[in-house]
Amino acid sequence: MHAIHNARVQLLATALNNLGVAGIVAGLVAPFANGSLGGALHVGVWLAFGGAWLGAAQLLLGRLR
């Protein structure tokens, strides 16, 4: 039973981690691709979004049994 629970927790943590990485990529790479490097607030919001999801993934991994 613990193996099933751990697998589900790991899958959810992976999904949250992917959201976090996507947010960080959107904040860092997209401004360079668009040529709009002046939006520091835009970059900061995306980095905070990505960091929040990465942190949530780390917290979720603490529920492994």
C-alpha atoms as a PDB file:
ATOM      1  CA  MET A   1       0.000   0.000   0.000  1.00  0.00           C
ATOM      2  CA  HIS A   2       2.848   2.370   0.765  1.00  0.00           C
ATOM      3  CA  ALA A   3       4.370   1.764  -2.659  1.00  0.00           C
ATOM      4  CA  ILE A   4       1.195   2.936  -4.409  1.00  0.00           C
ATOM      5  CA  HIS A   5       0.971   6.017  -2.189  1.00  0.00           C
ATOM      6  CA  ASN A   6       4.628   6.862  -2.805  1.00  0.00           C
ATOM      7  CA  ALA A   7       4.239   6.459  -6.569  1.00  0.00           C
ATOM      8  CA  ARG A   8       1.244   8.791  -6.611  1.00  0.00           C
ATOM      9  CA  VAL A   9       3.046  11.385  -4.493  1.00  0.00           C
ATOM     10  CA  GLN A  10       6.080  11.207  -6.771  1.00  0.00           C
ATOM     11  CA  LEU A  11       3.940  11.635  -9.901  1.00  0.00           C
ATOM     12  CA  LEU A  12       2.195  14.678  -8.440  1.00  0.00           C
ATOM     13  CA  ALA A  13       5.513  16.152  -7.306  1.00  0.00           C
ATOM     14  CA  THR A  14       6.888  15.625 -10.816  1.00  0.00           C
ATOM     15  CA  ALA A  15       3.908  17.463 -12.315  1.00  0.00           C
ATOM     16  CA  LEU A  16       4.375  20.381  -9.905  1.00  0.00           C
ATOM     17  CA  ASN A  17       8.092  20.421 -10.631  1.00  0.00           C
ATOM     18  CA  ASN A  18       7.366  20.603 -14.367  1.00  0.00           C
ATOM     19  CA  LEU A  19       5.043  23.563 -13.785  1.00  0.00           C
ATOM     20  CA  GLY A  20       7.795  25.269 -11.825  1.00  0.00           C
ATOM     21  CA  VAL A  21      10.413  24.701 -14.499  1.00  0.00           C
ATOM     22  CA  ALA A  22       7.985  25.921 -17.178  1.00  0.00           C
ATOM     23  CA  GLY A  23       7.357  29.089 -15.181  1.00  0.00           C
ATOM     24  CA  ILE A  24      11.047  29.784 -14.777  1.00  0.00           C
ATOM     25  CA  VAL A  25      11.685  29.145 -18.472  1.00  0.00           C
ATOM     26  CA  ALA A  26       8.790  31.443 -19.374  1.00  0.00           C
ATOM     27  CA  GLY A  27      10.277  34.164 -17.190  1.00  0.00           C
ATOM     28  CA  LEU A  28      13.854  33.863 -18.423  1.00  0.00           C
ATOM     29  CA  VAL A  29      13.741  32.601 -21.991  1.00  0.00           C
ATOM     30  CA  ALA A  30      10.557  34.168 -23.374  1.00  0.00           C
ATOM     31  CA  PRO A  31      11.691  37.798 -22.935  1.00  0.00           C
ATOM     32  CA  PHE A  32      14.872  37.018 -24.888  1.00  0.00           C
ATOM     33  CA  ALA A  33      12.909  35.241 -27.612  1.00  0.00           C
ATOM     34  CA  ASN A  34      10.434  38.122 -27.901  1.00  0.00           C
ATOM     35  CA  GLY A  35      13.090  40.811 -27.709  1.00  0.00           C
ATOM     36  CA  SER A  36      11.313  42.531 -24.786  1.00  0.00           C
ATOM     37  CA  LEU A  37      14.023  42.585 -22.152  1.00  0.00           C
ATOM     38  CA  GLY A  38      12.677  45.601 -20.281  1.00  0.00           C
ATOM     39  CA  GLY A  39       9.991  43.924 -18.163  1.00  0.00           C
ATOM     40  CA  ALA A  40      11.702  43.179 -14.846  1.00  0.00           C
ATOM     41  CA  LEU A  41       8.342  42.875 -13.097  1.00  0.00           C
ATOM     42  CA  HIS A  42       7.197  40.358 -15.691  1.00  0.00           C
ATOM     43  CA  VAL A  43      10.332  38.278 -15.188  1.00  0.00           C
ATOM     44  CA  GLY A  44      10.022  38.498 -11.399  1.00  0.00           C
ATOM     45  CA  VAL A  45       6.407  37.326 -11.429  1.00  0.00           C
ATOM     46  CA  TRP A  46       7.256  34.308 -13.579  1.00  0.00           C
ATOM     47  CA  LEU A  47      10.247  33.434 -11.397  1.00  0.00           C
ATOM     48  CA  ALA A  48       8.092  33.668  -8.269  1.00  0.00           C
ATOM     49  CA  PHE A  49       5.431  31.510  -9.929  1.00  0.00           C
ATOM     50  CA  GLY A  50       8.026  28.898 -10.869  1.00  0.00           C
ATOM     51  CA  GLY A  51       9.691  28.993  -7.474  1.00  0.00           C
ATOM     52  CA  ALA A  52       6.371  28.529  -5.709  1.00  0.00           C
ATOM     53  CA  TRP A  53       5.593  25.391  -7.718  1.00  0.00           C
ATOM     54  CA  LEU A  54       9.100  24.021  -7.167  1.00  0.00           C
ATOM     55  CA  GLY A  55       8.715  24.627  -3.438  1.00  0.00           C
ATOM     56  CA  ALA A  56       5.323  22.918  -3.429  1.00  0.00           C
ATOM     57  CA  ALA A  57       6.857  19.896  -5.129  1.00  0.00           C
ATOM     58  CA  GLN A  58       9.573  19.706  -2.480  1.00  0.00           C
ATOM     59  CA  LEU A  59       7.037  19.942   0.337  1.00  0.00           C
ATOM     60  CA  LEU A  60       4.915  17.253  -1.256  1.00  0.00           C
ATOM     61  CA  LEU A  61       7.867  14.863  -1.358  1.00  0.00           C
ATOM     62  CA  GLY A  62       7.934  15.096   2.430  1.00  0.00           C
ATOM     63  CA  ARG A  63       4.717  13.026   2.423  1.00  0.00           C
ATOM     64  CA  LEU A  64       6.525   9.915   1.179  1.00  0.00           C
ATOM     65  CA  ARG A  65       6.158   6.922   3.476  1.00  0.00           C
END
